[in-house]
């Protein structure tokens, strides 16, 4: 029994990945047009992006 590492997704998987990327891009664009913020994962942490995120604390509370 031999196993090989597949470095590229199959055609079907690539279609699914492309569809997901398009859906996310559309949702983020809709939020931008509506003036809503979105939360994305960046550098291992959740980050708010968008018009409303300016001046929002980044969960670091000062006691």
PDB file of N, CA and C in Angstrom:
ATOM      1  N   UNK A   1       0.846  -1.177   0.000  1.00  0.00           N
ATOM      2  CA  UNK A   1       0.000   0.000   0.000  1.00  0.00           C
ATOM      3  C   UNK A   1       0.890   1.239   0.000  1.00  0.00           C
ATOM      4  N   UNK A   2       0.723   2.060  -0.988  1.00  0.00           N
ATOM      5  CA  UNK A   2       1.528   3.279  -1.045  1.00  0.00           C
ATOM      6  C   UNK A   2       0.626   4.494  -0.881  1.00  0.00           C
ATOM      7  N   UNK A   3       1.171   5.476  -0.225  1.00  0.00           N
ATOM      8  CA  UNK A   3       0.407   6.715  -0.061  1.00  0.00           C
ATOM      9  C   UNK A   3       1.211   7.855  -0.663  1.00  0.00           C
ATOM     10  N   UNK A   4       0.501   8.740  -1.312  1.00  0.00           N
ATOM     11  CA  UNK A   4       1.176   9.891  -1.900  1.00  0.00           C
ATOM     12  C   UNK A   4       0.541  11.162  -1.364  1.00  0.00           C
ATOM     13  N   UNK A   5       1.341  12.178  -1.293  1.00  0.00           N
ATOM     14  CA  UNK A   5       0.854  13.470  -0.824  1.00  0.00           C
ATOM     15  C   UNK A   5       0.422  14.282  -2.038  1.00  0.00           C
ATOM     16  N   UNK A   6      -0.834  14.690  -2.015  1.00  0.00           N
ATOM     17  CA  UNK A   6      -1.370  15.478  -3.114  1.00  0.00           C
ATOM     18  C   UNK A   6      -1.126  16.948  -2.813  1.00  0.00           C
ATOM     19  N   UNK A   7      -0.422  17.633  -3.708  1.00  0.00           N
ATOM     20  CA  UNK A   7      -0.080  19.035  -3.460  1.00  0.00           C
ATOM     21  C   UNK A   7      -1.118  20.001  -4.015  1.00  0.00           C
ATOM     22  N   UNK A   8      -1.937  19.555  -4.933  1.00  0.00           N
ATOM     23  CA  UNK A   8      -2.965  20.411  -5.504  1.00  0.00           C
ATOM     24  C   UNK A   8      -4.324  19.762  -5.325  1.00  0.00           C
ATOM     25  N   UNK A   9      -5.355  20.578  -5.109  1.00  0.00           N
ATOM     26  CA  UNK A   9      -6.696  20.009  -4.940  1.00  0.00           C
ATOM     27  C   UNK A   9      -7.224  19.438  -6.254  1.00  0.00           C
ATOM     28  N   UNK A  10      -8.156  18.510  -6.134  1.00  0.00           N
ATOM     29  CA  UNK A  10      -8.793  17.962  -7.324  1.00  0.00           C
ATOM     30  C   UNK A  10      -9.618  19.051  -7.996  1.00  0.00           C
ATOM     31  N   UNK A  11     -10.089  18.774  -9.221  1.00  0.00           N
ATOM     32  CA  UNK A  11     -10.908  19.755  -9.936  1.00  0.00           C
ATOM     33  C   UNK A  11     -12.147  20.116  -9.135  1.00  0.00           C
ATOM     34  N   UNK A  12     -12.794  19.116  -8.570  1.00  0.00           N
ATOM     35  CA  UNK A  12     -14.011  19.351  -7.793  1.00  0.00           C
ATOM     36  C   UNK A  12     -13.710  20.193  -6.553  1.00  0.00           C
ATOM     37  N   UNK A  13     -12.621  19.876  -5.887  1.00  0.00           N
ATOM     38  CA  UNK A  13     -12.245  20.643  -4.692  1.00  0.00           C
ATOM     39  C   UNK A  13     -11.890  22.075  -5.056  1.00  0.00           C
ATOM     40  N   UNK A  14     -11.241  22.273  -6.184  1.00  0.00           N
ATOM     41  CA  UNK A  14     -10.874  23.618  -6.614  1.00  0.00           C
ATOM     42  C   UNK A  14     -12.119  24.441  -6.929  1.00  0.00           C
ATOM     43  N   UNK A  15     -13.119  23.817  -7.540  1.00  0.00           N
ATOM     44  CA  UNK A  15     -14.380  24.514  -7.822  1.00  0.00           C
ATOM     45  C   UNK A  15     -15.035  24.936  -6.515  1.00  0.00           C
ATOM     46  N   UNK A  16     -15.054  24.032  -5.522  1.00  0.00           N
ATOM     47  CA  UNK A  16     -15.641  24.361  -4.218  1.00  0.00           C
ATOM     48  C   UNK A  16     -14.882  25.496  -3.549  1.00  0.00           C
ATOM     49  N   UNK A  17     -13.560  25.455  -3.577  1.00  0.00           N
ATOM     50  CA  UNK A  17     -12.738  26.493  -2.976  1.00  0.00           C
ATOM     51  C   UNK A  17     -12.978  27.845  -3.648  1.00  0.00           C
ATOM     52  N   UNK A  18     -13.030  27.852  -4.963  1.00  0.00           N
ATOM     53  CA  UNK A  18     -13.285  29.096  -5.702  1.00  0.00           C
ATOM     54  C   UNK A  18     -14.667  29.659  -5.370  1.00  0.00           C
ATOM     55  N   UNK A  19     -15.659  28.774  -5.237  1.00  0.00           N
ATOM     56  CA  UNK A  19     -17.009  29.206  -4.886  1.00  0.00           C
ATOM     57  C   UNK A  19     -17.045  29.816  -3.492  1.00  0.00           C
ATOM     58  N   UNK A  20     -16.351  29.191  -2.554  1.00  0.00           N
ATOM     59  CA  UNK A  20     -16.281  29.735  -1.193  1.00  0.00           C
ATOM     60  C   UNK A  20     -15.601  31.102  -1.172  1.00  0.00           C
ATOM     61  N   UNK A  21     -14.503  31.239  -1.904  1.00  0.00           N
ATOM     62  CA  UNK A  21     -13.791  32.518  -1.956  1.00  0.00           C
ATOM     63  C   UNK A  21     -14.681  33.613  -2.529  1.00  0.00           C
ATOM     64  N   UNK A  22     -15.447  33.283  -3.567  1.00  0.00           N
ATOM     65  CA  UNK A  22     -16.359  34.257  -4.169  1.00  0.00           C
ATOM     66  C   UNK A  22     -17.448  34.652  -3.192  1.00  0.00           C
ATOM     67  N   UNK A  23     -18.011  33.676  -2.482  1.00  0.00           N
ATOM     68  CA  UNK A  23     -19.076  33.956  -1.514  1.00  0.00           C
ATOM     69  C   UNK A  23     -18.570  34.863  -0.394  1.00  0.00           C
ATOM     70  N   UNK A  24     -17.375  34.600   0.103  1.00  0.00           N
ATOM     71  CA  UNK A  24     -16.809  35.421   1.181  1.00  0.00           C
ATOM     72  C   UNK A  24     -16.525  36.826   0.669  1.00  0.00           C
ATOM     73  N   UNK A  25     -15.960  36.936  -0.519  1.00  0.00           N
ATOM     74  CA  UNK A  25     -15.682  38.262  -1.089  1.00  0.00           C
ATOM     75  C   UNK A  25     -16.978  39.055  -1.270  1.00  0.00           C
ATOM     76  N   UNK A  26     -18.031  38.388  -1.733  1.00  0.00           N
ATOM     77  CA  UNK A  26     -19.323  39.060  -1.903  1.00  0.00           C
ATOM     78  C   UNK A  26     -19.886  39.520  -0.563  1.00  0.00           C
ATOM     79  N   UNK A  27     -19.796  38.674   0.452  1.00  0.00           N
ATOM     80  CA  UNK A  27     -20.311  39.033   1.782  1.00  0.00           C
ATOM     81  C   UNK A  27     -19.537  40.206   2.372  1.00  0.00           C
ATOM     82  N   UNK A  28     -18.212  40.210   2.225  1.00  0.00           N
ATOM     83  CA  UNK A  28     -17.404  41.317   2.739  1.00  0.00           C
ATOM     84  C   UNK A  28     -17.697  42.611   1.984  1.00  0.00           C
ATOM     85  N   UNK A  29     -17.904  42.514   0.688  1.00  0.00           N
ATOM     86  CA  UNK A  29     -18.240  43.700  -0.106  1.00  0.00           C
ATOM     87  C   UNK A  29     -19.602  44.254   0.319  1.00  0.00           C
ATOM     88  N   UNK A  30     -20.562  43.384   0.565  1.00  0.00           N
ATOM     89  CA  UNK A  30     -21.886  43.823   1.021  1.00  0.00           C
ATOM     90  C   UNK A  30     -21.778  44.549   2.362  1.00  0.00           C
ATOM     91  N   UNK A  31     -20.987  43.984   3.287  1.00  0.00           N
ATOM     92  CA  UNK A  31     -20.793  44.623   4.590  1.00  0.00           C
ATOM     93  C   UNK A  31     -20.131  45.994   4.417  1.00  0.00           C
ATOM     94  N   UNK A  32     -19.169  46.096   3.517  1.00  0.00           N
ATOM     95  CA  UNK A  32     -18.490  47.371   3.277  1.00  0.00           C
ATOM     96  C   UNK A  32     -19.483  48.412   2.762  1.00  0.00           C
ATOM     97  N   UNK A  33     -20.326  48.017   1.803  1.00  0.00           N
ATOM     98  CA  UNK A  33     -21.315  48.947   1.237  1.00  0.00           C
ATOM     99  C   UNK A  33     -22.325  49.400   2.274  1.00  0.00           C
ATOM    100  N   UNK A  34     -22.676  48.510   3.211  1.00  0.00           N
ATOM    101  CA  UNK A  34     -23.661  48.838   4.243  1.00  0.00           C
ATOM    102  C   UNK A  34     -23.044  49.573   5.431  1.00  0.00           C
ATOM    103  N   UNK A  35     -21.712  49.716   5.422  1.00  0.00           N
ATOM    104  CA  UNK A  35     -21.036  50.391   6.519  1.00  0.00           C
ATOM    105  C   UNK A  35     -20.911  49.526   7.759  1.00  0.00           C
ATOM    106  N   UNK A  36     -20.944  48.223   7.575  1.00  0.00           N
ATOM    107  CA  UNK A  36     -20.830  47.300   8.700  1.00  0.00           C
ATOM    108  C   UNK A  36     -19.391  46.810   8.826  1.00  0.00           C
ATOM    109  N   UNK A  37     -19.025  46.387  10.032  1.00  0.00           N
ATOM    110  CA  UNK A  37     -17.700  45.819  10.210  1.00  0.00           C
ATOM    111  C   UNK A  37     -17.768  44.308  10.004  1.00  0.00           C
ATOM    112  N   UNK A  38     -16.607  43.715   9.820  1.00  0.00           N
ATOM    113  CA  UNK A  38     -16.490  42.267   9.724  1.00  0.00           C
ATOM    114  C   UNK A  38     -15.345  41.840  10.632  1.00  0.00           C
ATOM    115  N   UNK A  39     -15.394  40.627  11.099  1.00  0.00           N
ATOM    116  CA  UNK A  39     -14.322  40.077  11.917  1.00  0.00           C
ATOM    117  C   UNK A  39     -13.620  39.013  11.090  1.00  0.00           C
ATOM    118  N   UNK A  40     -12.318  39.169  10.934  1.00  0.00           N
ATOM    119  CA  UNK A  40     -11.511  38.217  10.175  1.00  0.00           C
ATOM    120  C   UNK A  40     -10.360  37.738  11.041  1.00  0.00           C
ATOM    121  N   UNK A  41      -9.743  36.666  10.651  1.00  0.00           N
ATOM    122  CA  UNK A  41      -8.615  36.099  11.371  1.00  0.00           C
ATOM    123  C   UNK A  41      -7.338  36.629  10.733  1.00  0.00           C
ATOM    124  N   UNK A  42      -6.487  37.300  11.535  1.00  0.00           N
ATOM    125  CA  UNK A  42      -5.245  37.870  11.013  1.00  0.00           C
ATOM    126  C   UNK A  42      -4.141  37.677  12.048  1.00  0.00           C
ATOM    127  N   UNK A  43      -3.030  37.090  11.639  1.00  0.00           N
ATOM    128  CA  UNK A  43      -1.886  36.857  12.521  1.00  0.00           C
ATOM    129  C   UNK A  43      -2.277  36.104  13.793  1.00  0.00           C
ATOM    130  N   UNK A  44      -3.171  35.135  13.655  1.00  0.00           N
ATOM    131  CA  UNK A  44      -3.558  34.307  14.790  1.00  0.00           C
ATOM    132  C   UNK A  44      -4.549  34.940  15.749  1.00  0.00           C
ATOM    133  N   UNK A  45      -5.131  36.085  15.363  1.00  0.00           N
ATOM    134  CA  UNK A  45      -6.078  36.770  16.245  1.00  0.00           C
ATOM    135  C   UNK A  45      -7.265  37.260  15.438  1.00  0.00           C
ATOM    136  N   UNK A  46      -8.453  37.329  16.069  1.00  0.00           N
ATOM    137  CA  UNK A  46      -9.596  37.931  15.385  1.00  0.00           C
ATOM    138  C   UNK A  46      -9.428  39.450  15.331  1.00  0.00           C
ATOM    139  N   UNK A  47      -9.728  40.042  14.181  1.00  0.00           N
ATOM    140  CA  UNK A  47      -9.546  41.477  13.973  1.00  0.00           C
ATOM    141  C   UNK A  47     -10.792  42.040  13.299  1.00  0.00           C
ATOM    142  N   UNK A  48     -11.258  43.186  13.789  1.00  0.00           N
ATOM    143  CA  UNK A  48     -12.374  43.883  13.143  1.00  0.00           C
ATOM    144  C   UNK A  48     -11.844  44.676  11.967  1.00  0.00           C
ATOM    145  N   UNK A  49     -12.563  44.608  10.857  1.00  0.00           N
ATOM    146  CA  UNK A  49     -12.224  45.443   9.709  1.00  0.00           C
ATOM    147  C   UNK A  49     -13.484  46.183   9.271  1.00  0.00           C
ATOM    148  N   UNK A  50     -13.324  47.317   8.674  1.00  0.00           N
ATOM    149  CA  UNK A  50     -14.454  48.075   8.174  1.00  0.00           C
ATOM    150  C   UNK A  50     -14.554  49.440   8.803  1.00  0.00           C
ATOM    151  N   UNK A  51     -15.546  50.203   8.353  1.00  0.00           N
ATOM    152  CA  UNK A  51     -15.713  51.601   8.764  1.00  0.00           C
ATOM    153  C   UNK A  51     -15.910  51.747  10.262  1.00  0.00           C
ATOM    154  N   UNK A  52     -16.650  50.857  10.881  1.00  0.00           N
ATOM    155  CA  UNK A  52     -16.952  50.982  12.307  1.00  0.00           C
ATOM    156  C   UNK A  52     -15.799  50.540  13.208  1.00  0.00           C
ATOM    157  N   UNK A  53     -14.766  49.957  12.648  1.00  0.00           N
ATOM    158  CA  UNK A  53     -13.692  49.419  13.490  1.00  0.00           C
ATOM    159  C   UNK A  53     -12.707  50.484  13.951  1.00  0.00           C
ATOM    160  N   UNK A  54     -12.768  51.667  13.399  1.00  0.00           N
ATOM    161  CA  UNK A  54     -11.845  52.735  13.794  1.00  0.00           C
ATOM    162  C   UNK A  54     -12.133  53.139  15.231  1.00  0.00           C
ATOM    163  N   UNK A  55     -11.107  53.133  16.050  1.00  0.00           N
ATOM    164  CA  UNK A  55     -11.247  53.541  17.436  1.00  0.00           C
ATOM    165  C   UNK A  55     -11.791  52.486  18.360  1.00  0.00           C
ATOM    166  N   UNK A  56     -11.987  51.280  17.878  1.00  0.00           N
ATOM    167  CA  UNK A  56     -12.493  50.189  18.725  1.00  0.00           C
ATOM    168  C   UNK A  56     -11.318  49.518  19.389  1.00  0.00           C
ATOM    169  N   UNK A  57     -11.452  49.204  20.666  1.00  0.00           N
ATOM    170  CA  UNK A  57     -10.346  48.559  21.381  1.00  0.00           C
ATOM    171  C   UNK A  57     -10.134  47.168  20.833  1.00  0.00           C
ATOM    172  N   UNK A  58      -8.925  46.668  21.011  1.00  0.00           N
ATOM    173  CA  UNK A  58      -8.595  45.343  20.509  1.00  0.00           C
ATOM    174  C   UNK A  58      -8.604  44.296  21.614  1.00  0.00           C
ATOM    175  N   UNK A  59      -9.586  44.365  22.485  1.00  0.00           N
ATOM    176  CA  UNK A  59      -9.797  43.414  23.589  1.00  0.00           C
ATOM    177  C   UNK A  59      -8.736  43.469  24.653  1.00  0.00           C
ATOM    178  N   UNK A  60      -7.939  44.512  24.695  1.00  0.00           N
ATOM    179  CA  UNK A  60      -6.937  44.668  25.759  1.00  0.00           C
ATOM    180  C   UNK A  60      -7.509  45.644  26.774  1.00  0.00           C
ATOM    181  N   UNK A  61      -8.095  45.110  27.802  1.00  0.00           N
ATOM    182  CA  UNK A  61      -8.699  45.997  28.803  1.00  0.00           C
ATOM    183  C   UNK A  61      -7.652  46.412  29.820  1.00  0.00           C
ATOM    184  N   UNK A  62      -7.736  47.652  30.243  1.00  0.00           N
ATOM    185  CA  UNK A  62      -6.817  48.168  31.250  1.00  0.00           C
ATOM    186  C   UNK A  62      -7.541  48.199  32.584  1.00  0.00           C
ATOM    187  N   UNK A  63      -6.967  47.570  33.559  1.00  0.00           N
ATOM    188  CA  UNK A  63      -7.594  47.493  34.888  1.00  0.00           C
ATOM    189  C   UNK A  63      -6.877  48.408  35.829  1.00  0.00           C
TER     190      UNK A  63
END
